[in-house]
PDB file of N, CA and C in Angstrom:
ATOM      1  N   MET A   1      -3.961  10.363  17.775  1.00  0.00           N
ATOM      2  CA  MET A   1      -3.136   9.464  18.552  1.00  0.00           C
ATOM      3  C   MET A   1      -3.225   9.795  20.039  1.00  0.00           C
ATOM      4  N   ILE A   2      -3.287  11.056  20.358  1.00  0.00           N
ATOM      5  CA  ILE A   2      -3.341  11.482  21.752  1.00  0.00           C
ATOM      6  C   ILE A   2      -4.606  10.946  22.423  1.00  0.00           C
ATOM      7  N   LEU A   3      -5.693  10.913  21.698  1.00  0.00           N
ATOM      8  CA  LEU A   3      -6.973  10.470  22.248  1.00  0.00           C
ATOM      9  C   LEU A   3      -7.060   8.958  22.418  1.00  0.00           C
ATOM     10  N   ALA A   4      -6.220   8.227  21.725  1.00  0.00           N
ATOM     11  CA  ALA A   4      -6.365   6.774  21.646  1.00  0.00           C
ATOM     12  C   ALA A   4      -6.381   6.092  23.015  1.00  0.00           C
ATOM     13  N   ASP A   5      -5.581   6.564  23.946  1.00  0.00           N
ATOM     14  CA  ASP A   5      -5.540   5.923  25.262  1.00  0.00           C
ATOM     15  C   ASP A   5      -6.840   6.089  26.030  1.00  0.00           C
ATOM     16  N   ARG A   6      -7.479   7.244  25.891  1.00  0.00           N
ATOM     17  CA  ARG A   6      -8.655   7.541  26.702  1.00  0.00           C
ATOM     18  C   ARG A   6      -9.971   7.427  25.944  1.00  0.00           C
ATOM     19  N   LYS A   7      -9.955   7.805  24.661  1.00  0.00           N
ATOM     20  CA  LYS A   7     -11.198   7.892  23.888  1.00  0.00           C
ATOM     21  C   LYS A   7     -11.006   7.260  22.509  1.00  0.00           C
ATOM     22  N   LEU A   8     -10.920   5.975  22.497  1.00  0.00           N
ATOM     23  CA  LEU A   8     -10.646   5.262  21.248  1.00  0.00           C
ATOM     24  C   LEU A   8     -11.686   5.525  20.163  1.00  0.00           C
ATOM     25  N   PRO A   9     -12.992   5.512  20.455  1.00  0.00           N
ATOM     26  CA  PRO A   9     -13.966   5.804  19.384  1.00  0.00           C
ATOM     27  C   PRO A   9     -13.764   7.195  18.759  1.00  0.00           C
ATOM     28  N   GLU A  10     -13.405   8.164  19.586  1.00  0.00           N
ATOM     29  CA  GLU A  10     -13.146   9.499  19.057  1.00  0.00           C
ATOM     30  C   GLU A  10     -11.872   9.506  18.211  1.00  0.00           C
ATOM     31  N   ALA A  11     -10.881   8.735  18.627  1.00  0.00           N
ATOM     32  CA  ALA A  11      -9.648   8.623  17.846  1.00  0.00           C
ATOM     33  C   ALA A  11      -9.935   8.024  16.472  1.00  0.00           C
ATOM     34  N   VAL A  12     -10.867   7.050  16.426  1.00  0.00           N
ATOM     35  CA  VAL A  12     -11.261   6.452  15.150  1.00  0.00           C
ATOM     36  C   VAL A  12     -11.834   7.537  14.232  1.00  0.00           C
ATOM     37  N   GLU A  13     -12.698   8.373  14.773  1.00  0.00           N
ATOM     38  CA  GLU A  13     -13.315   9.443  13.978  1.00  0.00           C
ATOM     39  C   GLU A  13     -12.268  10.423  13.448  1.00  0.00           C
ATOM     40  N   TRP A  14     -11.354  10.832  14.311  1.00  0.00           N
ATOM     41  CA  TRP A  14     -10.322  11.781  13.872  1.00  0.00           C
ATOM     42  C   TRP A  14      -9.399  11.158  12.823  1.00  0.00           C
ATOM     43  N   ALA A  15      -9.067   9.902  13.001  1.00  0.00           N
ATOM     44  CA  ALA A  15      -8.221   9.219  12.013  1.00  0.00           C
ATOM     45  C   ALA A  15      -8.943   9.114  10.676  1.00  0.00           C
ATOM     46  N   ALA A  16     -10.244   8.848  10.705  1.00  0.00           N
ATOM     47  CA  ALA A  16     -11.034   8.781   9.467  1.00  0.00           C
ATOM     48  C   ALA A  16     -11.046  10.138   8.771  1.00  0.00           C
ATOM     49  N   ARG A  17     -11.203  11.189   9.546  1.00  0.00           N
ATOM     50  CA  ARG A  17     -11.177  12.540   8.966  1.00  0.00           C
ATOM     51  C   ARG A  17      -9.834  12.841   8.329  1.00  0.00           C
ATOM     52  N   ALA A  18      -8.776  12.545   9.041  1.00  0.00           N
ATOM     53  CA  ALA A  18      -7.435  12.793   8.511  1.00  0.00           C
ATOM     54  C   ALA A  18      -7.223  12.021   7.212  1.00  0.00           C
ATOM     55  N   ALA A  19      -7.661  10.769   7.184  1.00  0.00           N
ATOM     56  CA  ALA A  19      -7.500   9.939   5.986  1.00  0.00           C
ATOM     57  C   ALA A  19      -8.288  10.504   4.813  1.00  0.00           C
ATOM     58  N   SER A  20      -9.485  11.021   5.084  1.00  0.00           N
ATOM     59  CA  SER A  20     -10.290  11.565   3.980  1.00  0.00           C
ATOM     60  C   SER A  20      -9.746  12.908   3.498  1.00  0.00           C
ATOM     61  N   LEU A  21      -9.162  13.679   4.401  1.00  0.00           N
ATOM     62  CA  LEU A  21      -8.605  14.975   4.012  1.00  0.00           C
ATOM     63  C   LEU A  21      -7.251  14.849   3.313  1.00  0.00           C
ATOM     64  N   GLU A  22      -6.524  13.796   3.641  1.00  0.00           N
ATOM     65  CA  GLU A  22      -5.191  13.576   3.070  1.00  0.00           C
ATOM     66  C   GLU A  22      -5.073  12.166   2.487  1.00  0.00           C
ATOM     67  N   PRO A  23      -5.821  11.878   1.419  1.00  0.00           N
ATOM     68  CA  PRO A  23      -5.771  10.514   0.864  1.00  0.00           C
ATOM     69  C   PRO A  23      -4.399  10.126   0.308  1.00  0.00           C
ATOM     70  N   GLY A  24      -3.548  11.097   0.065  1.00  0.00           N
ATOM     71  CA  GLY A  24      -2.208  10.809  -0.435  1.00  0.00           C
ATOM     72  C   GLY A  24      -1.225  10.439   0.659  1.00  0.00           C
ATOM     73  N   THR A  25      -1.672  10.475   1.909  1.00  0.00           N
ATOM     74  CA  THR A  25      -0.812  10.137   3.039  1.00  0.00           C
ATOM     75  C   THR A  25      -1.298   8.818   3.635  1.00  0.00           C
ATOM     76  N   PRO A  26      -0.642   7.713   3.269  1.00  0.00           N
ATOM     77  CA  PRO A  26      -1.142   6.400   3.666  1.00  0.00           C
ATOM     78  C   PRO A  26      -1.162   6.151   5.171  1.00  0.00           C
ATOM     79  N   ARG A  27      -0.325   6.816   5.927  1.00  0.00           N
ATOM     80  CA  ARG A  27      -0.297   6.544   7.368  1.00  0.00           C
ATOM     81  C   ARG A  27      -1.616   6.917   8.050  1.00  0.00           C
ATOM     82  N   TYR A  28      -2.354   7.883   7.476  1.00  0.00           N
ATOM     83  CA  TYR A  28      -3.637   8.254   8.076  1.00  0.00           C
ATOM     84  C   TYR A  28      -4.666   7.142   7.899  1.00  0.00           C
ATOM     85  N   ALA A  29      -4.727   6.579   6.713  1.00  0.00           N
ATOM     86  CA  ALA A  29      -5.653   5.461   6.485  1.00  0.00           C
ATOM     87  C   ALA A  29      -5.225   4.251   7.309  1.00  0.00           C
ATOM     88  N   TYR A  30      -3.922   4.015   7.390  1.00  0.00           N
ATOM     89  CA  TYR A  30      -3.410   2.913   8.210  1.00  0.00           C
ATOM     90  C   TYR A  30      -3.832   3.102   9.669  1.00  0.00           C
ATOM     91  N   THR A  31      -3.649   4.311  10.184  1.00  0.00           N
ATOM     92  CA  THR A  31      -4.005   4.611  11.568  1.00  0.00           C
ATOM     93  C   THR A  31      -5.498   4.413  11.797  1.00  0.00           C
ATOM     94  N   HIS A  32      -6.296   4.837  10.827  1.00  0.00           N
ATOM     95  CA  HIS A  32      -7.736   4.632  10.916  1.00  0.00           C
ATOM     96  C   HIS A  32      -8.049   3.138  11.030  1.00  0.00           C
ATOM     97  N   ALA A  33      -7.444   2.340  10.164  1.00  0.00           N
ATOM     98  CA  ALA A  33      -7.668   0.891  10.198  1.00  0.00           C
ATOM     99  C   ALA A  33      -7.179   0.286  11.513  1.00  0.00           C
ATOM    100  N   PHE A  34      -6.049   0.741  11.987  1.00  0.00           N
ATOM    101  CA  PHE A  34      -5.500   0.243  13.243  1.00  0.00           C
ATOM    102  C   PHE A  34      -6.492   0.478  14.386  1.00  0.00           C
ATOM    103  N   PHE A  35      -7.009   1.711  14.473  1.00  0.00           N
ATOM    104  CA  PHE A  35      -7.962   2.033  15.536  1.00  0.00           C
ATOM    105  C   PHE A  35      -9.272   1.268  15.359  1.00  0.00           C
ATOM    106  N   LEU A  36      -9.725   1.119  14.127  1.00  0.00           N
ATOM    107  CA  LEU A  36     -10.937   0.320  13.892  1.00  0.00           C
ATOM    108  C   LEU A  36     -10.751  -1.091  14.435  1.00  0.00           C
ATOM    109  N   ASN A  37      -9.613  -1.670  14.157  1.00  0.00           N
ATOM    110  CA  ASN A  37      -9.332  -3.013  14.650  1.00  0.00           C
ATOM    111  C   ASN A  37      -9.293  -3.035  16.176  1.00  0.00           C
ATOM    112  N   GLN A  38      -8.747  -1.992  16.771  1.00  0.00           N
ATOM    113  CA  GLN A  38      -8.660  -1.905  18.229  1.00  0.00           C
ATOM    114  C   GLN A  38     -10.040  -1.869  18.890  1.00  0.00           C
ATOM    115  N   ILE A  39     -11.014  -1.240  18.225  1.00  0.00           N
ATOM    116  CA  ILE A  39     -12.352  -1.188  18.812  1.00  0.00           C
ATOM    117  C   ILE A  39     -13.195  -2.402  18.435  1.00  0.00           C
ATOM    118  N   GLY A  40     -12.598  -3.336  17.687  1.00  0.00           N
ATOM    119  CA  GLY A  40     -13.299  -4.574  17.361  1.00  0.00           C
ATOM    120  C   GLY A  40     -14.005  -4.580  16.023  1.00  0.00           C
ATOM    121  N   ASP A  41     -13.759  -3.572  15.208  1.00  0.00           N
ATOM    122  CA  ASP A  41     -14.385  -3.524  13.883  1.00  0.00           C
ATOM    123  C   ASP A  41     -13.379  -4.001  12.830  1.00  0.00           C
ATOM    124  N   ALA A  42     -13.042  -5.276  12.914  1.00  0.00           N
ATOM    125  CA  ALA A  42     -12.066  -5.856  11.990  1.00  0.00           C
ATOM    126  C   ALA A  42     -12.561  -5.827  10.552  1.00  0.00           C
ATOM    127  N   THR A  43     -13.853  -5.962  10.353  1.00  0.00           N
ATOM    128  CA  THR A  43     -14.412  -5.957   8.996  1.00  0.00           C
ATOM    129  C   THR A  43     -14.120  -4.639   8.296  1.00  0.00           C
ATOM    130  N   GLU A  44     -14.370  -3.539   8.977  1.00  0.00           N
ATOM    131  CA  GLU A  44     -14.097  -2.230   8.374  1.00  0.00           C
ATOM    132  C   GLU A  44     -12.600  -1.976   8.277  1.00  0.00           C
ATOM    133  N   ALA A  45     -11.837  -2.453   9.252  1.00  0.00           N
ATOM    134  CA  ALA A  45     -10.384  -2.311   9.187  1.00  0.00           C
ATOM    135  C   ALA A  45      -9.839  -3.019   7.950  1.00  0.00           C
ATOM    136  N   VAL A  46     -10.334  -4.216   7.687  1.00  0.00           N
ATOM    137  CA  VAL A  46      -9.913  -4.969   6.490  1.00  0.00           C
ATOM    138  C   VAL A  46     -10.284  -4.202   5.225  1.00  0.00           C
ATOM    139  N   ALA A  47     -11.468  -3.610   5.197  1.00  0.00           N
ATOM    140  CA  ALA A  47     -11.896  -2.847   4.017  1.00  0.00           C
ATOM    141  C   ALA A  47     -10.968  -1.645   3.784  1.00  0.00           C
ATOM    142  N   VAL A  48     -10.641  -0.926   4.849  1.00  0.00           N
ATOM    143  CA  VAL A  48      -9.741   0.232   4.727  1.00  0.00           C
ATOM    144  C   VAL A  48      -8.369  -0.220   4.252  1.00  0.00           C
ATOM    145  N   LEU A  49      -7.861  -1.288   4.839  1.00  0.00           N
ATOM    146  CA  LEU A  49      -6.537  -1.782   4.463  1.00  0.00           C
ATOM    147  C   LEU A  49      -6.513  -2.323   3.036  1.00  0.00           C
ATOM    148  N   SER A  50      -7.571  -2.975   2.626  1.00  0.00           N
ATOM    149  CA  SER A  50      -7.633  -3.496   1.246  1.00  0.00           C
ATOM    150  C   SER A  50      -7.581  -2.353   0.235  1.00  0.00           C
ATOM    151  N   ARG A  51      -8.322  -1.285   0.519  1.00  0.00           N
ATOM    152  CA  ARG A  51      -8.262  -0.109  -0.363  1.00  0.00           C
ATOM    153  C   ARG A  51      -6.861   0.505  -0.346  1.00  0.00           C
ATOM    154  N   LEU A  52      -6.239   0.493   0.808  1.00  0.00           N
ATOM    155  CA  LEU A  52      -4.909   1.082   0.935  1.00  0.00           C
ATOM    156  C   LEU A  52      -3.864   0.293   0.146  1.00  0.00           C
ATOM    157  N   THR A  53      -3.997  -1.031   0.075  1.00  0.00           N
ATOM    158  CA  THR A  53      -3.047  -1.811  -0.725  1.00  0.00           C
ATOM    159  C   THR A  53      -3.161  -1.454  -2.203  1.00  0.00           C
ATOM    160  N   GLU A  54      -4.354  -1.059  -2.620  1.00  0.00           N
ATOM    161  CA  GLU A  54      -4.547  -0.665  -4.016  1.00  0.00           C
ATOM    162  C   GLU A  54      -4.019   0.740  -4.288  1.00  0.00           C
ATOM    163  N   SER A  55      -4.283   1.668  -3.381  1.00  0.00           N
ATOM    164  CA  SER A  55      -3.885   3.056  -3.618  1.00  0.00           C
ATOM    165  C   SER A  55      -2.422   3.328  -3.280  1.00  0.00           C
ATOM    166  N   HIS A  56      -1.857   2.584  -2.346  1.00  0.00           N
ATOM    167  CA  HIS A  56      -0.466   2.776  -1.925  1.00  0.00           C
ATOM    168  C   HIS A  56       0.201   1.412  -1.743  1.00  0.00           C
ATOM    169  N   PRO A  57       0.465   0.716  -2.843  1.00  0.00           N
ATOM    170  CA  PRO A  57       0.978  -0.653  -2.744  1.00  0.00           C
ATOM    171  C   PRO A  57       2.354  -0.765  -2.086  1.00  0.00           C
ATOM    172  N   GLY A  58       3.078   0.314  -1.962  1.00  0.00           N
ATOM    173  CA  GLY A  58       4.403   0.257  -1.352  1.00  0.00           C
ATOM    174  C   GLY A  58       4.416   0.498   0.143  1.00  0.00           C
ATOM    175  N   TYR A  59       3.252   0.677   0.750  1.00  0.00           N
ATOM    176  CA  TYR A  59       3.181   0.963   2.183  1.00  0.00           C
ATOM    177  C   TYR A  59       3.138  -0.355   2.955  1.00  0.00           C
ATOM    178  N   GLY A  60       4.300  -0.812   3.388  1.00  0.00           N
ATOM    179  CA  GLY A  60       4.465  -2.136   3.967  1.00  0.00           C
ATOM    180  C   GLY A  60       3.657  -2.423   5.216  1.00  0.00           C
ATOM    181  N   ASP A  61       3.460  -1.416   6.061  1.00  0.00           N
ATOM    182  CA  ASP A  61       2.690  -1.637   7.289  1.00  0.00           C
ATOM    183  C   ASP A  61       1.286  -2.156   7.002  1.00  0.00           C
ATOM    184  N   THR A  62       0.736  -1.739   5.879  1.00  0.00           N
ATOM    185  CA  THR A  62      -0.617  -2.154   5.507  1.00  0.00           C
ATOM    186  C   THR A  62      -0.730  -3.673   5.441  1.00  0.00           C
ATOM    187  N   TYR A  63       0.207  -4.298   4.763  1.00  0.00           N
ATOM    188  CA  TYR A  63       0.173  -5.748   4.576  1.00  0.00           C
ATOM    189  C   TYR A  63       0.377  -6.482   5.898  1.00  0.00           C
ATOM    190  N   LEU A  64       1.258  -5.945   6.740  1.00  0.00           N
ATOM    191  CA  LEU A  64       1.498  -6.592   8.026  1.00  0.00           C
ATOM    192  C   LEU A  64       0.261  -6.547   8.915  1.00  0.00           C
ATOM    193  N   LEU A  65      -0.411  -5.406   8.960  1.00  0.00           N
ATOM    194  CA  LEU A  65      -1.621  -5.310   9.780  1.00  0.00           C
ATOM    195  C   LEU A  65      -2.746  -6.159   9.193  1.00  0.00           C
ATOM    196  N   LEU A  66      -2.931  -6.076   7.893  1.00  0.00           N
ATOM    197  CA  LEU A  66      -3.986  -6.860   7.247  1.00  0.00           C
ATOM    198  C   LEU A  66      -3.754  -8.355   7.464  1.00  0.00           C
ATOM    199  N   GLY A  67      -2.528  -8.786   7.260  1.00  0.00           N
ATOM    200  CA  GLY A  67      -2.203 -10.197   7.483  1.00  0.00           C
ATOM    201  C   GLY A  67      -2.424 -10.618   8.925  1.00  0.00           C
ATOM    202  N   SER A  68      -2.052  -9.750   9.866  1.00  0.00           N
ATOM    203  CA  SER A  68      -2.220 -10.114  11.279  1.00  0.00           C
ATOM    204  C   SER A  68      -3.696 -10.182  11.663  1.00  0.00           C
ATOM    205  N   ILE A  69      -4.511  -9.326  11.075  1.00  0.00           N
ATOM    206  CA  ILE A  69      -5.959  -9.414  11.330  1.00  0.00           C
ATOM    207  C   ILE A  69      -6.486 -10.747  10.817  1.00  0.00           C
ATOM    208  N   TYR A  70      -6.099 -11.097   9.605  1.00  0.00           N
ATOM    209  CA  TYR A  70      -6.532 -12.389   9.060  1.00  0.00           C
ATOM    210  C   TYR A  70      -6.047 -13.548   9.940  1.00  0.00           C
ATOM    211  N   GLU A  71      -4.800 -13.472  10.387  1.00  0.00           N
ATOM    212  CA  GLU A  71      -4.277 -14.531  11.251  1.00  0.00           C
ATOM    213  C   GLU A  71      -5.104 -14.650  12.519  1.00  0.00           C
ATOM    214  N   SER A  72      -5.429 -13.517  13.143  1.00  0.00           N
ATOM    215  CA  SER A  72      -6.194 -13.545  14.392  1.00  0.00           C
ATOM    216  C   SER A  72      -7.602 -14.086  14.183  1.00  0.00           C
ATOM    217  N   GLN A  73      -8.112 -13.989  12.957  1.00  0.00           N
ATOM    218  CA  GLN A  73      -9.434 -14.524  12.636  1.00  0.00           C
ATOM    219  C   GLN A  73      -9.367 -15.983  12.184  1.00  0.00           C
ATOM    220  N   GLY A  74      -8.150 -16.526  12.120  1.00  0.00           N
ATOM    221  CA  GLY A  74      -7.991 -17.900  11.659  1.00  0.00           C
ATOM    222  C   GLY A  74      -8.055 -18.036  10.146  1.00  0.00           C
ATOM    223  N   ARG A  75      -7.998 -16.929   9.450  1.00  0.00           N
ATOM    224  CA  ARG A  75      -8.067 -16.924   7.981  1.00  0.00           C
ATOM    225  C   ARG A  75      -6.642 -17.011   7.412  1.00  0.00           C
ATOM    226  N   ILE A  76      -6.030 -18.138   7.629  1.00  0.00           N
ATOM    227  CA  ILE A  76      -4.615 -18.327   7.302  1.00  0.00           C
ATOM    228  C   ILE A  76      -4.363 -18.214   5.799  1.00  0.00           C
ATOM    229  N   ALA A  77      -5.234 -18.782   4.994  1.00  0.00           N
ATOM    230  CA  ALA A  77      -5.060 -18.701   3.537  1.00  0.00           C
ATOM    231  C   ALA A  77      -5.090 -17.235   3.072  1.00  0.00           C
ATOM    232  N   ASP A  78      -5.963 -16.441   3.675  1.00  0.00           N
ATOM    233  CA  ASP A  78      -6.030 -15.020   3.323  1.00  0.00           C
ATOM    234  C   ASP A  78      -4.769 -14.291   3.768  1.00  0.00           C
ATOM    235  N   ALA A  79      -4.265 -14.625   4.953  1.00  0.00           N
ATOM    236  CA  ALA A  79      -3.028 -14.009   5.439  1.00  0.00           C
ATOM    237  C   ALA A  79      -1.869 -14.345   4.494  1.00  0.00           C
ATOM    238  N   ILE A  80      -1.770 -15.594   4.108  1.00  0.00           N
ATOM    239  CA  ILE A  80      -0.711 -16.011   3.182  1.00  0.00           C
ATOM    240  C   ILE A  80      -0.835 -15.244   1.877  1.00  0.00           C
ATOM    241  N   SER A  81      -2.035 -15.121   1.375  1.00  0.00           N
ATOM    242  CA  SER A  81      -2.270 -14.395   0.128  1.00  0.00           C
ATOM    243  C   SER A  81      -1.820 -12.935   0.236  1.00  0.00           C
ATOM    244  N   VAL A  82      -2.138 -12.296   1.346  1.00  0.00           N
ATOM    245  CA  VAL A  82      -1.739 -10.895   1.559  1.00  0.00           C
ATOM    246  C   VAL A  82      -0.231 -10.777   1.614  1.00  0.00           C
ATOM    247  N   TYR A  83       0.425 -11.662   2.364  1.00  0.00           N
ATOM    248  CA  TYR A  83       1.876 -11.607   2.473  1.00  0.00           C
ATOM    249  C   TYR A  83       2.549 -11.855   1.122  1.00  0.00           C
ATOM    250  N   GLU A  84       2.014 -12.793   0.356  1.00  0.00           N
ATOM    251  CA  GLU A  84       2.579 -13.059  -0.971  1.00  0.00           C
ATOM    252  C   GLU A  84       2.367 -11.880  -1.906  1.00  0.00           C
ATOM    253  N   GLU A  85       1.198 -11.261  -1.821  1.00  0.00           N
ATOM    254  CA  GLU A  85       0.934 -10.060  -2.623  1.00  0.00           C
ATOM    255  C   GLU A  85       1.932  -8.963  -2.269  1.00  0.00           C
ATOM    256  N   ALA A  86       2.201  -8.805  -0.989  1.00  0.00           N
ATOM    257  CA  ALA A  86       3.128  -7.766  -0.536  1.00  0.00           C
ATOM    258  C   ALA A  86       4.520  -7.964  -1.110  1.00  0.00           C
ATOM    259  N   LEU A  87       4.946  -9.202  -1.174  1.00  0.00           N
ATOM    260  CA  LEU A  87       6.302  -9.475  -1.663  1.00  0.00           C
ATOM    261  C   LEU A  87       6.477  -9.119  -3.132  1.00  0.00           C
ATOM    262  N   SER A  88       5.378  -9.055  -3.859  1.00  0.00           N
ATOM    263  CA  SER A  88       5.477  -8.681  -5.273  1.00  0.00           C
ATOM    264  C   SER A  88       4.985  -7.256  -5.531  1.00  0.00           C
ATOM    265  N   ALA A  89       4.594  -6.562  -4.463  1.00  0.00           N
ATOM    266  CA  ALA A  89       4.065  -5.202  -4.621  1.00  0.00           C
ATOM    267  C   ALA A  89       5.176  -4.221  -4.982  1.00  0.00           C
ATOM    268  N   ARG A  90       4.807  -3.284  -5.793  1.00  0.00           N
ATOM    269  CA  ARG A  90       5.724  -2.232  -6.215  1.00  0.00           C
ATOM    270  C   ARG A  90       6.025  -1.298  -5.035  1.00  0.00           C
ATOM    271  N   GLY A  91       7.318  -1.065  -4.765  1.00  0.00           N
ATOM    272  CA  GLY A  91       7.711  -0.077  -3.777  1.00  0.00           C
ATOM    273  C   GLY A  91       7.925  -0.582  -2.362  1.00  0.00           C
ATOM    274  N   ILE A  92       7.745  -1.860  -2.120  1.00  0.00           N
ATOM    275  CA  ILE A  92       7.980  -2.392  -0.774  1.00  0.00           C
ATOM    276  C   ILE A  92       9.488  -2.394  -0.516  1.00  0.00           C
ATOM    277  N   THR A  93       9.889  -1.814   0.604  1.00  0.00           N
ATOM    278  CA  THR A  93      11.317  -1.756   0.924  1.00  0.00           C
ATOM    279  C   THR A  93      11.834  -3.127   1.337  1.00  0.00           C
ATOM    280  N   SER A  94      13.138  -3.292   1.274  1.00  0.00           N
ATOM    281  CA  SER A  94      13.743  -4.572   1.648  1.00  0.00           C
ATOM    282  C   SER A  94      13.499  -4.892   3.122  1.00  0.00           C
ATOM    283  N   GLU A  95      13.434  -3.880   3.975  1.00  0.00           N
ATOM    284  CA  GLU A  95      13.150  -4.113   5.394  1.00  0.00           C
ATOM    285  C   GLU A  95      11.759  -4.725   5.571  1.00  0.00           C
ATOM    286  N   TYR A  96      10.791  -4.171   4.860  1.00  0.00           N
ATOM    287  CA  TYR A  96       9.433  -4.711   4.952  1.00  0.00           C
ATOM    288  C   TYR A  96       9.368  -6.089   4.312  1.00  0.00           C
ATOM    289  N   LYS A  97      10.081  -6.292   3.225  1.00  0.00           N
ATOM    290  CA  LYS A  97      10.073  -7.614   2.599  1.00  0.00           C
ATOM    291  C   LYS A  97      10.587  -8.671   3.561  1.00  0.00           C
ATOM    292  N   ARG A  98      11.630  -8.329   4.312  1.00  0.00           N
ATOM    293  CA  ARG A  98      12.163  -9.289   5.293  1.00  0.00           C
ATOM    294  C   ARG A  98      11.120  -9.580   6.379  1.00  0.00           C
ATOM    295  N   ALA A  99      10.481  -8.545   6.890  1.00  0.00           N
ATOM    296  CA  ALA A  99       9.471  -8.729   7.939  1.00  0.00           C
ATOM    297  C   ALA A  99       8.291  -9.545   7.416  1.00  0.00           C
ATOM    298  N   ILE A 100       7.891  -9.271   6.190  1.00  0.00           N
ATOM    299  CA  ILE A 100       6.768  -9.984   5.592  1.00  0.00           C
ATOM    300  C   ILE A 100       7.132 -11.439   5.323  1.00  0.00           C
ATOM    301  N   GLN A 101       8.353 -11.682   4.843  1.00  0.00           N
ATOM    302  CA  GLN A 101       8.797 -13.058   4.628  1.00  0.00           C
ATOM    303  C   GLN A 101       8.825 -13.834   5.940  1.00  0.00           C
ATOM    304  N   GLU A 102       9.222 -13.155   7.011  1.00  0.00           N
ATOM    305  CA  GLU A 102       9.237 -13.785   8.331  1.00  0.00           C
ATOM    306  C   GLU A 102       7.822 -14.190   8.756  1.00  0.00           C
ATOM    307  N   ARG A 103       6.858 -13.284   8.575  1.00  0.00           N
ATOM    308  CA  ARG A 103       5.465 -13.595   8.917  1.00  0.00           C
ATOM    309  C   ARG A 103       4.956 -14.744   8.050  1.00  0.00           C
ATOM    310  N   LEU A 104       5.286 -14.705   6.777  1.00  0.00           N
ATOM    311  CA  LEU A 104       4.840 -15.747   5.853  1.00  0.00           C
ATOM    312  C   LEU A 104       5.382 -17.103   6.285  1.00  0.00           C
ATOM    313  N   ARG A 105       6.651 -17.166   6.632  1.00  0.00           N
ATOM    314  CA  ARG A 105       7.223 -18.435   7.109  1.00  0.00           C
ATOM    315  C   ARG A 105       6.516 -18.904   8.384  1.00  0.00           C
ATOM    316  N   ALA A 106       6.287 -17.991   9.293  1.00  0.00           N
ATOM    317  CA  ALA A 106       5.644 -18.351  10.568  1.00  0.00           C
ATOM    318  C   ALA A 106       4.221 -18.882  10.348  1.00  0.00           C
ATOM    319  N   VAL A 107       3.512 -18.249   9.434  1.00  0.00           N
ATOM    320  CA  VAL A 107       2.129 -18.667   9.160  1.00  0.00           C
ATOM    321  C   VAL A 107       2.112 -20.038   8.491  1.00  0.00           C
ATOM    322  N   LYS A 108       3.030 -20.274   7.614  1.00  0.00           N
ATOM    323  CA  LYS A 108       3.057 -21.565   6.904  1.00  0.00           C
ATOM    324  C   LYS A 108       3.452 -22.722   7.809  1.00  0.00           C
ATOM    325  N   VAL A 109       4.140 -22.417   8.909  1.00  0.00           N
ATOM    326  CA  VAL A 109       4.559 -23.450   9.849  1.00  0.00           C
ATOM    327  C   VAL A 109       3.390 -23.934  10.694  1.00  0.00           C
ATOM    328  N   ARG A 110       2.404 -23.105  10.890  1.00  0.00           N
ATOM    329  CA  ARG A 110       1.250 -23.459  11.737  1.00  0.00           C
ATOM    330  C   ARG A 110       0.603 -24.743  11.325  1.00  0.00           C
TER     331      ARG A 110
END
């Protein structure tokens, strides 16, 4: 995180290492995907996030980032699908469900 402001590609590498060393800690994979998206590698960010929804279905940030990437790419149907999947995912907190429902409503209004 410290490197992100100055050396984003290096931050991506460190986040990838952290995620591989601690696969049970979803925030590391999320951070890796976040940085990948920041450097313009949305394809790999989507791949990381898709795997994360399978391994840690209760990690709400994953669905929000994945959905927002799809939205920014104009892939509205995919964003809707991700948000709907999140609402039925095991372990999603009520706070995340509210945020996800809000995004889902906003996307459907477009």
